[in-house]
Every structure is written in structure tokens, then in C-alpha cells.
Amino acid sequence: MNKYNNPDLKTLAQNLRRQMTEEERHLWFDFLRLLPVTFNRQKVIGSYIVDFYCAKAKLVIEIDGSQHYEEKGRERDRERDAFLSENGLRVLRYSNVELNRNFTAVCRDIQQYLP
């Protein structure tokens, strides 16, 4: 299995692209898709589906809802982040609240990691 393509998760990723959260839609339609670098939505990487992925920057962006702040969610995120980091990817995480309250600052932060 290619670490960046897991066929078993393909259908789930396609469904997640169609059912993005309000915050994911905001970041995608109002910022990421307008950039000169390519981002993929709901990209399968290994046994994970990441919210946004930019191959050129080796960058993963995760938009976290409340479930990510419960102990089980934090543990899953630590495992996911470790796997992604071990594969040469940088992971940026933003909460839904952060994205909604300070969208411009989130966008500026993301831009500093882009080529």
C-alpha cells in the first residue's frame, strides 16, 4: 500500500468532501482553493483522512471540532500527527472556534508554511 493512498478509505473520503463542516467549507472556498498551490480536500494518507493536504508544501491542515478535545480524540490526534510527521508532513491544527473568531489570522498562519 502506498502510504498516501488507501483504497479502502476512498469512498469515505469522497463522502466527507461532499459533507464538509461549515468551518471546512469556509476555509476551502474563501482561502485554500484560491491559492496558487494545490490543496486536496479529505485526502487519504495511510489509514487516515486529513482535512486538507498540500503535497508541494508537505502540509496537512486539520480543522478540529469539540470531539478533538476529549481524551479519546486527543489520543487519536497524537497518533495521527506522529504518523504524518514520521512521513515528512507538517500538521497544522486549528479549532472551529479559532477559525470562526479569527479567520484572517488562521489564513496568515497557513501562508507562512507555503512555498
PDB file of N, CA and C in Angstrom:
ATOM      1  N   MET A   1       0.840  -1.197   0.000  1.00  0.00           N
ATOM      2  CA  MET A   1       0.000   0.000   0.000  1.00  0.00           C
ATOM      3  C   MET A   1       0.876   1.248   0.000  1.00  0.00           C
ATOM      4  N   ASN A   2       0.598   2.146  -0.887  1.00  0.00           N
ATOM      5  CA  ASN A   2       1.247   3.447  -0.909  1.00  0.00           C
ATOM      6  C   ASN A   2       0.796   4.214   0.331  1.00  0.00           C
ATOM      7  N   LYS A   3       1.731   4.796   1.076  1.00  0.00           N
ATOM      8  CA  LYS A   3       1.359   5.484   2.314  1.00  0.00           C
ATOM      9  C   LYS A   3       0.437   6.670   2.060  1.00  0.00           C
ATOM     10  N   TYR A   4       0.347   7.143   0.816  1.00  0.00           N
ATOM     11  CA  TYR A   4      -0.514   8.282   0.514  1.00  0.00           C
ATOM     12  C   TYR A   4      -1.804   7.881  -0.190  1.00  0.00           C
ATOM     13  N   ASN A   5      -2.088   6.579  -0.234  1.00  0.00           N
ATOM     14  CA  ASN A   5      -3.313   6.165  -0.919  1.00  0.00           C
ATOM     15  C   ASN A   5      -3.801   4.844  -0.328  1.00  0.00           C
ATOM     16  N   ASN A   6      -4.931   4.872   0.333  1.00  0.00           N
ATOM     17  CA  ASN A   6      -5.530   3.690   0.906  1.00  0.00           C
ATOM     18  C   ASN A   6      -6.903   3.513   0.258  1.00  0.00           C
ATOM     19  N   PRO A   7      -7.023   2.599  -0.698  1.00  0.00           N
ATOM     20  CA  PRO A   7      -8.275   2.442  -1.447  1.00  0.00           C
ATOM     21  C   PRO A   7      -9.488   2.155  -0.562  1.00  0.00           C
ATOM     22  N   ASP A   8      -9.268   1.531   0.600  1.00  0.00           N
ATOM     23  CA  ASP A   8     -10.373   1.220   1.497  1.00  0.00           C
ATOM     24  C   ASP A   8     -11.059   2.473   2.038  1.00  0.00           C
ATOM     25  N   LEU A   9     -10.347   3.572   2.080  1.00  0.00           N
ATOM     26  CA  LEU A   9     -10.905   4.816   2.625  1.00  0.00           C
ATOM     27  C   LEU A   9     -11.408   5.772   1.550  1.00  0.00           C
ATOM     28  N   LYS A  10     -11.241   5.410   0.298  1.00  0.00           N
ATOM     29  CA  LYS A  10     -11.583   6.310  -0.806  1.00  0.00           C
ATOM     30  C   LYS A  10     -13.048   6.749  -0.773  1.00  0.00           C
ATOM     31  N   THR A  11     -13.965   5.824  -0.602  1.00  0.00           N
ATOM     32  CA  THR A  11     -15.396   6.160  -0.597  1.00  0.00           C
ATOM     33  C   THR A  11     -15.739   7.066   0.578  1.00  0.00           C
ATOM     34  N   LEU A  12     -15.182   6.748   1.743  1.00  0.00           N
ATOM     35  CA  LEU A  12     -15.429   7.593   2.914  1.00  0.00           C
ATOM     36  C   LEU A  12     -14.913   9.008   2.680  1.00  0.00           C
ATOM     37  N   ALA A  13     -13.726   9.133   2.109  1.00  0.00           N
ATOM     38  CA  ALA A  13     -13.158  10.458   1.823  1.00  0.00           C
ATOM     39  C   ALA A  13     -14.039  11.229   0.844  1.00  0.00           C
ATOM     40  N   GLN A  14     -14.554  10.549  -0.164  1.00  0.00           N
ATOM     41  CA  GLN A  14     -15.447  11.208  -1.127  1.00  0.00           C
ATOM     42  C   GLN A  14     -16.701  11.726  -0.435  1.00  0.00           C
ATOM     43  N   ASN A  15     -17.260  10.932   0.469  1.00  0.00           N
ATOM     44  CA  ASN A  15     -18.442  11.362   1.221  1.00  0.00           C
ATOM     45  C   ASN A  15     -18.124  12.556   2.116  1.00  0.00           C
ATOM     46  N   LEU A  16     -16.966  12.537   2.747  1.00  0.00           N
ATOM     47  CA  LEU A  16     -16.570  13.647   3.612  1.00  0.00           C
ATOM     48  C   LEU A  16     -16.377  14.932   2.805  1.00  0.00           C
ATOM     49  N   ARG A  17     -15.884  14.814   1.574  1.00  0.00           N
ATOM     50  CA  ARG A  17     -15.741  16.006   0.718  1.00  0.00           C
ATOM     51  C   ARG A  17     -17.106  16.629   0.430  1.00  0.00           C
ATOM     52  N   ARG A  18     -18.095  15.784   0.236  1.00  0.00           N
ATOM     53  CA  ARG A  18     -19.450  16.293  -0.039  1.00  0.00           C
ATOM     54  C   ARG A  18     -20.117  16.849   1.209  1.00  0.00           C
ATOM     55  N   GLN A  19     -19.668  16.418   2.372  1.00  0.00           N
ATOM     56  CA  GLN A  19     -20.313  16.801   3.629  1.00  0.00           C
ATOM     57  C   GLN A  19     -19.369  17.579   4.546  1.00  0.00           C
ATOM     58  N   MET A  20     -18.597  18.473   3.988  1.00  0.00           N
ATOM     59  CA  MET A  20     -17.657  19.247   4.792  1.00  0.00           C
ATOM     60  C   MET A  20     -18.402  20.051   5.853  1.00  0.00           C
ATOM     61  N   THR A  21     -17.739  20.280   6.978  1.00  0.00           N
ATOM     62  CA  THR A  21     -18.314  21.120   8.024  1.00  0.00           C
ATOM     63  C   THR A  21     -18.350  22.571   7.544  1.00  0.00           C
ATOM     64  N   GLU A  22     -19.098  23.387   8.230  1.00  0.00           N
ATOM     65  CA  GLU A  22     -19.182  24.806   7.881  1.00  0.00           C
ATOM     66  C   GLU A  22     -17.800  25.457   7.904  1.00  0.00           C
ATOM     67  N   GLU A  23     -16.999  25.106   8.901  1.00  0.00           N
ATOM     68  CA  GLU A  23     -15.657  25.685   9.021  1.00  0.00           C
ATOM     69  C   GLU A  23     -14.743  25.208   7.897  1.00  0.00           C
ATOM     70  N   GLU A  24     -14.817  23.938   7.544  1.00  0.00           N
ATOM     71  CA  GLU A  24     -14.019  23.423   6.429  1.00  0.00           C
ATOM     72  C   GLU A  24     -14.420  24.105   5.124  1.00  0.00           C
ATOM     73  N   ARG A  25     -15.713  24.286   4.925  1.00  0.00           N
ATOM     74  CA  ARG A  25     -16.194  24.971   3.712  1.00  0.00           C
ATOM     75  C   ARG A  25     -15.659  26.400   3.650  1.00  0.00           C
ATOM     76  N   HIS A  26     -15.708  27.086   4.778  1.00  0.00           N
ATOM     77  CA  HIS A  26     -15.233  28.473   4.837  1.00  0.00           C
ATOM     78  C   HIS A  26     -13.755  28.540   4.456  1.00  0.00           C
ATOM     79  N   LEU A  27     -12.935  27.694   5.079  1.00  0.00           N
ATOM     80  CA  LEU A  27     -11.502  27.717   4.774  1.00  0.00           C
ATOM     81  C   LEU A  27     -11.248  27.341   3.318  1.00  0.00           C
ATOM     82  N   TRP A  28     -11.968  26.340   2.813  1.00  0.00           N
ATOM     83  CA  TRP A  28     -11.767  25.890   1.441  1.00  0.00           C
ATOM     84  C   TRP A  28     -12.191  26.949   0.423  1.00  0.00           C
ATOM     85  N   PHE A  29     -13.435  27.375   0.498  1.00  0.00           N
ATOM     86  CA  PHE A  29     -13.976  28.270  -0.529  1.00  0.00           C
ATOM     87  C   PHE A  29     -13.453  29.699  -0.430  1.00  0.00           C
ATOM     88  N   ASP A  30     -13.104  30.144   0.767  1.00  0.00           N
ATOM     89  CA  ASP A  30     -12.693  31.529   0.950  1.00  0.00           C
ATOM     90  C   ASP A  30     -11.190  31.721   1.052  1.00  0.00           C
ATOM     91  N   PHE A  31     -10.423  30.612   0.999  1.00  0.00           N
ATOM     92  CA  PHE A  31      -8.969  30.783   1.091  1.00  0.00           C
ATOM     93  C   PHE A  31      -8.184  29.726   0.313  1.00  0.00           C
ATOM     94  N   LEU A  32      -8.250  28.477   0.724  1.00  0.00           N
ATOM     95  CA  LEU A  32      -7.333  27.459   0.190  1.00  0.00           C
ATOM     96  C   LEU A  32      -7.456  27.243  -1.311  1.00  0.00           C
ATOM     97  N   ARG A  33      -8.660  27.184  -1.833  1.00  0.00           N
ATOM     98  CA  ARG A  33      -8.801  26.905  -3.269  1.00  0.00           C
ATOM     99  C   ARG A  33      -8.377  28.086  -4.139  1.00  0.00           C
ATOM    100  N   LEU A  34      -8.194  29.250  -3.527  1.00  0.00           N
ATOM    101  CA  LEU A  34      -7.785  30.451  -4.265  1.00  0.00           C
ATOM    102  C   LEU A  34      -6.268  30.618  -4.326  1.00  0.00           C
ATOM    103  N   LEU A  35      -5.556  29.799  -3.594  1.00  0.00           N
ATOM    104  CA  LEU A  35      -4.092  29.916  -3.534  1.00  0.00           C
ATOM    105  C   LEU A  35      -3.440  29.386  -4.811  1.00  0.00           C
ATOM    106  N   PRO A  36      -2.206  29.821  -5.094  1.00  0.00           N
ATOM    107  CA  PRO A  36      -1.509  29.343  -6.291  1.00  0.00           C
ATOM    108  C   PRO A  36      -0.930  27.928  -6.141  1.00  0.00           C
ATOM    109  N   VAL A  37      -1.008  27.338  -4.950  1.00  0.00           N
ATOM    110  CA  VAL A  37      -0.588  25.946  -4.755  1.00  0.00           C
ATOM    111  C   VAL A  37      -1.840  25.083  -4.618  1.00  0.00           C
ATOM    112  N   THR A  38      -1.713  23.813  -4.960  1.00  0.00           N
ATOM    113  CA  THR A  38      -2.859  22.911  -4.940  1.00  0.00           C
ATOM    114  C   THR A  38      -3.048  22.278  -3.569  1.00  0.00           C
ATOM    115  N   PHE A  39      -4.263  22.345  -3.089  1.00  0.00           N
ATOM    116  CA  PHE A  39      -4.672  21.645  -1.872  1.00  0.00           C
ATOM    117  C   PHE A  39      -5.700  20.598  -2.252  1.00  0.00           C
ATOM    118  N   ASN A  40      -5.665  19.463  -1.582  1.00  0.00           N
ATOM    119  CA  ASN A  40      -6.686  18.427  -1.729  1.00  0.00           C
ATOM    120  C   ASN A  40      -7.532  18.421  -0.467  1.00  0.00           C
ATOM    121  N   ARG A  41      -8.823  18.209  -0.654  1.00  0.00           N
ATOM    122  CA  ARG A  41      -9.741  18.092   0.479  1.00  0.00           C
ATOM    123  C   ARG A  41      -9.918  16.625   0.830  1.00  0.00           C
ATOM    124  N   GLN A  42     -10.019  16.347   2.120  1.00  0.00           N
ATOM    125  CA  GLN A  42     -10.281  14.993   2.615  1.00  0.00           C
ATOM    126  C   GLN A  42      -9.397  13.975   1.900  1.00  0.00           C
ATOM    127  N   LYS A  43      -8.106  14.157   2.055  1.00  0.00           N
ATOM    128  CA  LYS A  43      -7.097  13.331   1.384  1.00  0.00           C
ATOM    129  C   LYS A  43      -6.759  12.105   2.227  1.00  0.00           C
ATOM    130  N   VAL A  44      -6.772  10.945   1.602  1.00  0.00           N
ATOM    131  CA  VAL A  44      -6.379   9.707   2.268  1.00  0.00           C
ATOM    132  C   VAL A  44      -4.859   9.639   2.306  1.00  0.00           C
ATOM    133  N   ILE A  45      -4.324   9.488   3.515  1.00  0.00           N
ATOM    134  CA  ILE A  45      -2.883   9.297   3.711  1.00  0.00           C
ATOM    135  C   ILE A  45      -2.736   8.147   4.692  1.00  0.00           C
ATOM    136  N   GLY A  46      -2.253   7.028   4.203  1.00  0.00           N
ATOM    137  CA  GLY A  46      -2.149   5.834   5.049  1.00  0.00           C
ATOM    138  C   GLY A  46      -3.532   5.398   5.486  1.00  0.00           C
ATOM    139  N   SER A  47      -3.716   5.243   6.783  1.00  0.00           N
ATOM    140  CA  SER A  47      -5.021   4.836   7.306  1.00  0.00           C
ATOM    141  C   SER A  47      -5.806   6.022   7.852  1.00  0.00           C
ATOM    142  N   TYR A  48      -5.457   7.217   7.393  1.00  0.00           N
ATOM    143  CA  TYR A  48      -6.110   8.437   7.861  1.00  0.00           C
ATOM    144  C   TYR A  48      -6.694   9.227   6.695  1.00  0.00           C
ATOM    145  N   ILE A  49      -7.676  10.045   7.010  1.00  0.00           N
ATOM    146  CA  ILE A  49      -8.211  11.019   6.062  1.00  0.00           C
ATOM    147  C   ILE A  49      -7.969  12.375   6.689  1.00  0.00           C
ATOM    148  N   VAL A  50      -7.139  13.192   6.033  1.00  0.00           N
ATOM    149  CA  VAL A  50      -6.844  14.518   6.569  1.00  0.00           C
ATOM    150  C   VAL A  50      -7.772  15.542   5.924  1.00  0.00           C
ATOM    151  N   ASP A  51      -8.046  16.614   6.640  1.00  0.00           N
ATOM    152  CA  ASP A  51      -8.979  17.621   6.125  1.00  0.00           C
ATOM    153  C   ASP A  51      -8.459  18.264   4.840  1.00  0.00           C
ATOM    154  N   PHE A  52      -7.215  18.760   4.876  1.00  0.00           N
ATOM    155  CA  PHE A  52      -6.624  19.410   3.702  1.00  0.00           C
ATOM    156  C   PHE A  52      -5.159  19.010   3.597  1.00  0.00           C
ATOM    157  N   TYR A  53      -4.690  18.844   2.356  1.00  0.00           N
ATOM    158  CA  TYR A  53      -3.315  18.400   2.124  1.00  0.00           C
ATOM    159  C   TYR A  53      -2.730  19.149   0.936  1.00  0.00           C
ATOM    160  N   CYS A  54      -1.519  19.660   1.127  1.00  0.00           N
ATOM    161  CA  CYS A  54      -0.768  20.310   0.056  1.00  0.00           C
ATOM    162  C   CYS A  54       0.538  19.539  -0.129  1.00  0.00           C
ATOM    163  N   ALA A  55       0.640  18.792  -1.232  1.00  0.00           N
ATOM    164  CA  ALA A  55       1.825  17.970  -1.495  1.00  0.00           C
ATOM    165  C   ALA A  55       3.076  18.828  -1.656  1.00  0.00           C
ATOM    166  N   LYS A  56       2.946  19.935  -2.370  1.00  0.00           N
ATOM    167  CA  LYS A  56       4.107  20.786  -2.639  1.00  0.00           C
ATOM    168  C   LYS A  56       4.741  21.306  -1.352  1.00  0.00           C
ATOM    169  N   ALA A  57       3.910  21.627  -0.359  1.00  0.00           N
ATOM    170  CA  ALA A  57       4.411  22.150   0.914  1.00  0.00           C
ATOM    171  C   ALA A  57       4.575  21.050   1.965  1.00  0.00           C
ATOM    172  N   LYS A  58       4.182  19.807   1.618  1.00  0.00           N
ATOM    173  CA  LYS A  58       4.180  18.710   2.591  1.00  0.00           C
ATOM    174  C   LYS A  58       3.453  19.136   3.861  1.00  0.00           C
ATOM    175  N   LEU A  59       2.246  19.652   3.645  1.00  0.00           N
ATOM    176  CA  LEU A  59       1.476  20.286   4.709  1.00  0.00           C
ATOM    177  C   LEU A  59       0.090  19.671   4.829  1.00  0.00           C
ATOM    178  N   VAL A  60      -0.301  19.388   6.063  1.00  0.00           N
ATOM    179  CA  VAL A  60      -1.643  18.911   6.396  1.00  0.00           C
ATOM    180  C   VAL A  60      -2.290  19.968   7.282  1.00  0.00           C
ATOM    181  N   ILE A  61      -3.544  20.295   6.989  1.00  0.00           N
ATOM    182  CA  ILE A  61      -4.303  21.227   7.814  1.00  0.00           C
ATOM    183  C   ILE A  61      -5.513  20.489   8.358  1.00  0.00           C
ATOM    184  N   GLU A  62      -5.670  20.536   9.671  1.00  0.00           N
ATOM    185  CA  GLU A  62      -6.800  19.902  10.343  1.00  0.00           C
ATOM    186  C   GLU A  62      -7.639  20.979  11.021  1.00  0.00           C
ATOM    187  N   ILE A  63      -8.946  20.897  10.827  1.00  0.00           N
ATOM    188  CA  ILE A  63      -9.891  21.789  11.485  1.00  0.00           C
ATOM    189  C   ILE A  63     -10.608  20.952  12.534  1.00  0.00           C
ATOM    190  N   ASP A  64     -10.415  21.294  13.796  1.00  0.00           N
ATOM    191  CA  ASP A  64     -10.863  20.452  14.896  1.00  0.00           C
ATOM    192  C   ASP A  64     -12.140  20.948  15.555  1.00  0.00           C
ATOM    193  N   GLY A  65     -13.117  20.052  15.614  1.00  0.00           N
ATOM    194  CA  GLY A  65     -14.338  20.294  16.366  1.00  0.00           C
ATOM    195  C   GLY A  65     -14.159  19.820  17.798  1.00  0.00           C
ATOM    196  N   SER A  66     -15.215  19.885  18.575  1.00  0.00           N
ATOM    197  CA  SER A  66     -15.148  19.600  20.014  1.00  0.00           C
ATOM    198  C   SER A  66     -14.661  18.183  20.338  1.00  0.00           C
ATOM    199  N   GLN A  67     -14.946  17.199  19.483  1.00  0.00           N
ATOM    200  CA  GLN A  67     -14.543  15.823  19.769  1.00  0.00           C
ATOM    201  C   GLN A  67     -13.026  15.682  19.864  1.00  0.00           C
ATOM    202  N   HIS A  68     -12.293  16.593  19.273  1.00  0.00           N
ATOM    203  CA  HIS A  68     -10.825  16.528  19.313  1.00  0.00           C
ATOM    204  C   HIS A  68     -10.265  16.949  20.672  1.00  0.00           C
ATOM    205  N   TYR A  69     -11.097  17.498  21.530  1.00  0.00           N
ATOM    206  CA  TYR A  69     -10.632  17.980  22.828  1.00  0.00           C
ATOM    207  C   TYR A  69     -11.019  17.050  23.967  1.00  0.00           C
ATOM    208  N   GLU A  70     -11.674  15.942  23.639  1.00  0.00           N
ATOM    209  CA  GLU A  70     -11.921  14.890  24.620  1.00  0.00           C
ATOM    210  C   GLU A  70     -10.695  13.986  24.631  1.00  0.00           C
ATOM    211  N   GLU A  71     -10.470  13.262  25.726  1.00  0.00           N
ATOM    212  CA  GLU A  71      -9.249  12.455  25.862  1.00  0.00           C
ATOM    213  C   GLU A  71      -9.063  11.486  24.692  1.00  0.00           C
ATOM    214  N   LYS A  72     -10.108  10.797  24.294  1.00  0.00           N
ATOM    215  CA  LYS A  72     -10.012   9.833  23.190  1.00  0.00           C
ATOM    216  C   LYS A  72      -9.617  10.546  21.897  1.00  0.00           C
ATOM    217  N   GLY A  73     -10.180  11.702  21.649  1.00  0.00           N
ATOM    218  CA  GLY A  73      -9.856  12.484  20.455  1.00  0.00           C
ATOM    219  C   GLY A  73      -8.424  12.976  20.465  1.00  0.00           C
ATOM    220  N   ARG A  74      -7.975  13.434  21.627  1.00  0.00           N
ATOM    221  CA  ARG A  74      -6.580  13.911  21.735  1.00  0.00           C
ATOM    222  C   ARG A  74      -5.592  12.775  21.467  1.00  0.00           C
ATOM    223  N   GLU A  75      -5.906  11.586  21.990  1.00  0.00           N
ATOM    224  CA  GLU A  75      -5.018  10.439  21.778  1.00  0.00           C
ATOM    225  C   GLU A  75      -4.974  10.060  20.292  1.00  0.00           C
ATOM    226  N   ARG A  76      -6.122  10.027  19.634  1.00  0.00           N
ATOM    227  CA  ARG A  76      -6.152   9.719  18.192  1.00  0.00           C
ATOM    228  C   ARG A  76      -5.368  10.756  17.401  1.00  0.00           C
ATOM    229  N   ASP A  77      -5.499  12.018  17.783  1.00  0.00           N
ATOM    230  CA  ASP A  77      -4.775  13.083  17.090  1.00  0.00           C
ATOM    231  C   ASP A  77      -3.267  12.949  17.288  1.00  0.00           C
ATOM    232  N   ARG A  78      -2.835  12.561  18.491  1.00  0.00           N
ATOM    233  CA  ARG A  78      -1.400  12.361  18.731  1.00  0.00           C
ATOM    234  C   ARG A  78      -0.858  11.247  17.834  1.00  0.00           C
ATOM    235  N   GLU A  79      -1.612  10.144  17.720  1.00  0.00           N
ATOM    236  CA  GLU A  79      -1.183   9.025  16.870  1.00  0.00           C
ATOM    237  C   GLU A  79      -1.137   9.450  15.402  1.00  0.00           C
ATOM    238  N   ARG A  80      -2.162  10.143  14.957  1.00  0.00           N
ATOM    239  CA  ARG A  80      -2.238  10.610  13.573  1.00  0.00           C
ATOM    240  C   ARG A  80      -1.084  11.565  13.283  1.00  0.00           C
ATOM    241  N   ASP A  81      -0.881  12.536  14.161  1.00  0.00           N
ATOM    242  CA  ASP A  81       0.182  13.524  13.957  1.00  0.00           C
ATOM    243  C   ASP A  81       1.557  12.864  13.931  1.00  0.00           C
ATOM    244  N   ALA A  82       1.765  11.864  14.790  1.00  0.00           N
ATOM    245  CA  ALA A  82       3.045  11.148  14.806  1.00  0.00           C
ATOM    246  C   ALA A  82       3.266  10.432  13.472  1.00  0.00           C
ATOM    247  N   PHE A  83       2.242   9.739  12.976  1.00  0.00           N
ATOM    248  CA  PHE A  83       2.356   9.050  11.687  1.00  0.00           C
ATOM    249  C   PHE A  83       2.671  10.043  10.571  1.00  0.00           C
ATOM    250  N   LEU A  84       1.930  11.143  10.525  1.00  0.00           N
ATOM    251  CA  LEU A  84       2.135  12.129   9.464  1.00  0.00           C
ATOM    252  C   LEU A  84       3.526  12.751   9.553  1.00  0.00           C
ATOM    253  N   SER A  85       3.961  13.082  10.765  1.00  0.00           N
ATOM    254  CA  SER A  85       5.302  13.659  10.954  1.00  0.00           C
ATOM    255  C   SER A  85       6.397  12.683  10.543  1.00  0.00           C
ATOM    256  N   GLU A  86       6.218  11.420  10.902  1.00  0.00           N
ATOM    257  CA  GLU A  86       7.192  10.384  10.522  1.00  0.00           C
ATOM    258  C   GLU A  86       7.301  10.251   9.010  1.00  0.00           C
ATOM    259  N   ASN A  87       6.280  10.672   8.307  1.00  0.00           N
ATOM    260  CA  ASN A  87       6.270  10.605   6.843  1.00  0.00           C
ATOM    261  C   ASN A  87       6.581  11.960   6.216  1.00  0.00           C
ATOM    262  N   GLY A  88       7.200  12.838   6.982  1.00  0.00           N
ATOM    263  CA  GLY A  88       7.706  14.098   6.449  1.00  0.00           C
ATOM    264  C   GLY A  88       6.674  15.196   6.267  1.00  0.00           C
ATOM    265  N   LEU A  89       5.525  15.078   6.924  1.00  0.00           N
ATOM    266  CA  LEU A  89       4.478  16.079   6.767  1.00  0.00           C
ATOM    267  C   LEU A  89       4.361  16.950   8.015  1.00  0.00           C
ATOM    268  N   ARG A  90       4.120  18.227   7.795  1.00  0.00           N
ATOM    269  CA  ARG A  90       3.851  19.154   8.894  1.00  0.00           C
ATOM    270  C   ARG A  90       2.341  19.223   9.071  1.00  0.00           C
ATOM    271  N   VAL A  91       1.893  19.184  10.315  1.00  0.00           N
ATOM    272  CA  VAL A  91       0.464  19.236  10.617  1.00  0.00           C
ATOM    273  C   VAL A  91       0.147  20.540  11.332  1.00  0.00           C
ATOM    274  N   LEU A  92      -0.788  21.287  10.761  1.00  0.00           N
ATOM    275  CA  LEU A  92      -1.301  22.493  11.405  1.00  0.00           C
ATOM    276  C   LEU A  92      -2.721  22.201  11.860  1.00  0.00           C
ATOM    277  N   ARG A  93      -3.027  22.525  13.110  1.00  0.00           N
ATOM    278  CA  ARG A  93      -4.365  22.294  13.660  1.00  0.00           C
ATOM    279  C   ARG A  93      -4.966  23.616  14.108  1.00  0.00           C
ATOM    280  N   TYR A  94      -6.225  23.800  13.742  1.00  0.00           N
ATOM    281  CA  TYR A  94      -6.977  24.977  14.167  1.00  0.00           C
ATOM    282  C   TYR A  94      -8.333  24.507  14.662  1.00  0.00           C
ATOM    283  N   SER A  95      -8.806  25.116  15.728  1.00  0.00           N
ATOM    284  CA  SER A  95     -10.126  24.758  16.232  1.00  0.00           C
ATOM    285  C   SER A  95     -11.199  25.476  15.412  1.00  0.00           C
ATOM    286  N   ASN A  96     -12.402  24.922  15.436  1.00  0.00           N
ATOM    287  CA  ASN A  96     -13.530  25.597  14.791  1.00  0.00           C
ATOM    288  C   ASN A  96     -13.691  27.006  15.347  1.00  0.00           C
ATOM    289  N   VAL A  97     -13.553  27.143  16.645  1.00  0.00           N
ATOM    290  CA  VAL A  97     -13.707  28.446  17.296  1.00  0.00           C
ATOM    291  C   VAL A  97     -12.655  29.421  16.777  1.00  0.00           C
ATOM    292  N   GLU A  98     -11.404  28.974  16.722  1.00  0.00           N
ATOM    293  CA  GLU A  98     -10.311  29.814  16.232  1.00  0.00           C
ATOM    294  C   GLU A  98     -10.577  30.269  14.794  1.00  0.00           C
ATOM    295  N   LEU A  99     -11.013  29.348  13.963  1.00  0.00           N
ATOM    296  CA  LEU A  99     -11.297  29.669  12.570  1.00  0.00           C
ATOM    297  C   LEU A  99     -12.433  30.692  12.458  1.00  0.00           C
ATOM    298  N   ASN A 100     -13.474  30.510  13.260  1.00  0.00           N
ATOM    299  CA  ASN A 100     -14.618  31.418  13.210  1.00  0.00           C
ATOM    300  C   ASN A 100     -14.313  32.792  13.793  1.00  0.00           C
ATOM    301  N   ARG A 101     -13.511  32.838  14.832  1.00  0.00           N
ATOM    302  CA  ARG A 101     -13.231  34.110  15.503  1.00  0.00           C
ATOM    303  C   ARG A 101     -12.129  34.923  14.834  1.00  0.00           C
ATOM    304  N   ASN A 102     -11.173  34.223  14.220  1.00  0.00           N
ATOM    305  CA  ASN A 102     -10.036  34.952  13.673  1.00  0.00           C
ATOM    306  C   ASN A 102      -9.562  34.320  12.364  1.00  0.00           C
ATOM    307  N   PHE A 103     -10.445  34.298  11.393  1.00  0.00           N
ATOM    308  CA  PHE A 103     -10.183  33.682  10.098  1.00  0.00           C
ATOM    309  C   PHE A 103      -8.926  34.254   9.437  1.00  0.00           C
ATOM    310  N   THR A 104      -8.781  35.550   9.466  1.00  0.00           N
ATOM    311  CA  THR A 104      -7.632  36.201   8.825  1.00  0.00           C
ATOM    312  C   THR A 104      -6.316  35.736   9.432  1.00  0.00           C
ATOM    313  N   ALA A 105      -6.255  35.621  10.747  1.00  0.00           N
ATOM    314  CA  ALA A 105      -5.024  35.179  11.415  1.00  0.00           C
ATOM    315  C   ALA A 105      -4.707  33.726  11.061  1.00  0.00           C
ATOM    316  N   VAL A 106      -5.729  32.890  10.966  1.00  0.00           N
ATOM    317  CA  VAL A 106      -5.523  31.493  10.572  1.00  0.00           C
ATOM    318  C   VAL A 106      -4.940  31.448   9.162  1.00  0.00           C
ATOM    319  N   CYS A 107      -5.497  32.219   8.257  1.00  0.00           N
ATOM    320  CA  CYS A 107      -5.007  32.244   6.869  1.00  0.00           C
ATOM    321  C   CYS A 107      -3.566  32.732   6.804  1.00  0.00           C
ATOM    322  N   ARG A 108      -3.249  33.766   7.563  1.00  0.00           N
ATOM    323  CA  ARG A 108      -1.870  34.275   7.594  1.00  0.00           C
ATOM    324  C   ARG A 108      -0.922  33.210   8.127  1.00  0.00           C
ATOM    325  N   ASP A 109      -1.350  32.490   9.153  1.00  0.00           N
ATOM    326  CA  ASP A 109      -0.509  31.444   9.723  1.00  0.00           C
ATOM    327  C   ASP A 109      -0.238  30.353   8.689  1.00  0.00           C
ATOM    328  N   ILE A 110      -1.263  29.925   7.989  1.00  0.00           N
ATOM    329  CA  ILE A 110      -1.093  28.894   6.959  1.00  0.00           C
ATOM    330  C   ILE A 110      -0.125  29.365   5.882  1.00  0.00           C
ATOM    331  N   GLN A 111      -0.259  30.608   5.457  1.00  0.00           N
ATOM    332  CA  GLN A 111       0.580  31.123   4.351  1.00  0.00           C
ATOM    333  C   GLN A 111       2.069  31.053   4.653  1.00  0.00           C
ATOM    334  N   GLN A 112       2.444  31.169   5.897  1.00  0.00           N
ATOM    335  CA  GLN A 112       3.878  31.154   6.212  1.00  0.00           C
ATOM    336  C   GLN A 112       4.516  29.778   5.968  1.00  0.00           C
ATOM    337  N   TYR A 113       3.711  28.729   5.797  1.00  0.00           N
ATOM    338  CA  TYR A 113       4.230  27.387   5.545  1.00  0.00           C
ATOM    339  C   TYR A 113       4.164  26.993   4.069  1.00  0.00           C
ATOM    340  N   LEU A 114       3.719  27.900   3.228  1.00  0.00           N
ATOM    341  CA  LEU A 114       3.573  27.608   1.805  1.00  0.00           C
ATOM    342  C   LEU A 114       4.769  28.107   1.010  1.00  0.00           C
ATOM    343  N   PRO A 115       5.111  27.391  -0.068  1.00  0.00           N
ATOM    344  CA  PRO A 115       6.258  27.837  -0.897  1.00  0.00           C
ATOM    345  C   PRO A 115       5.922  29.092  -1.676  1.00  0.00           C
TER     346      PRO A 115
END
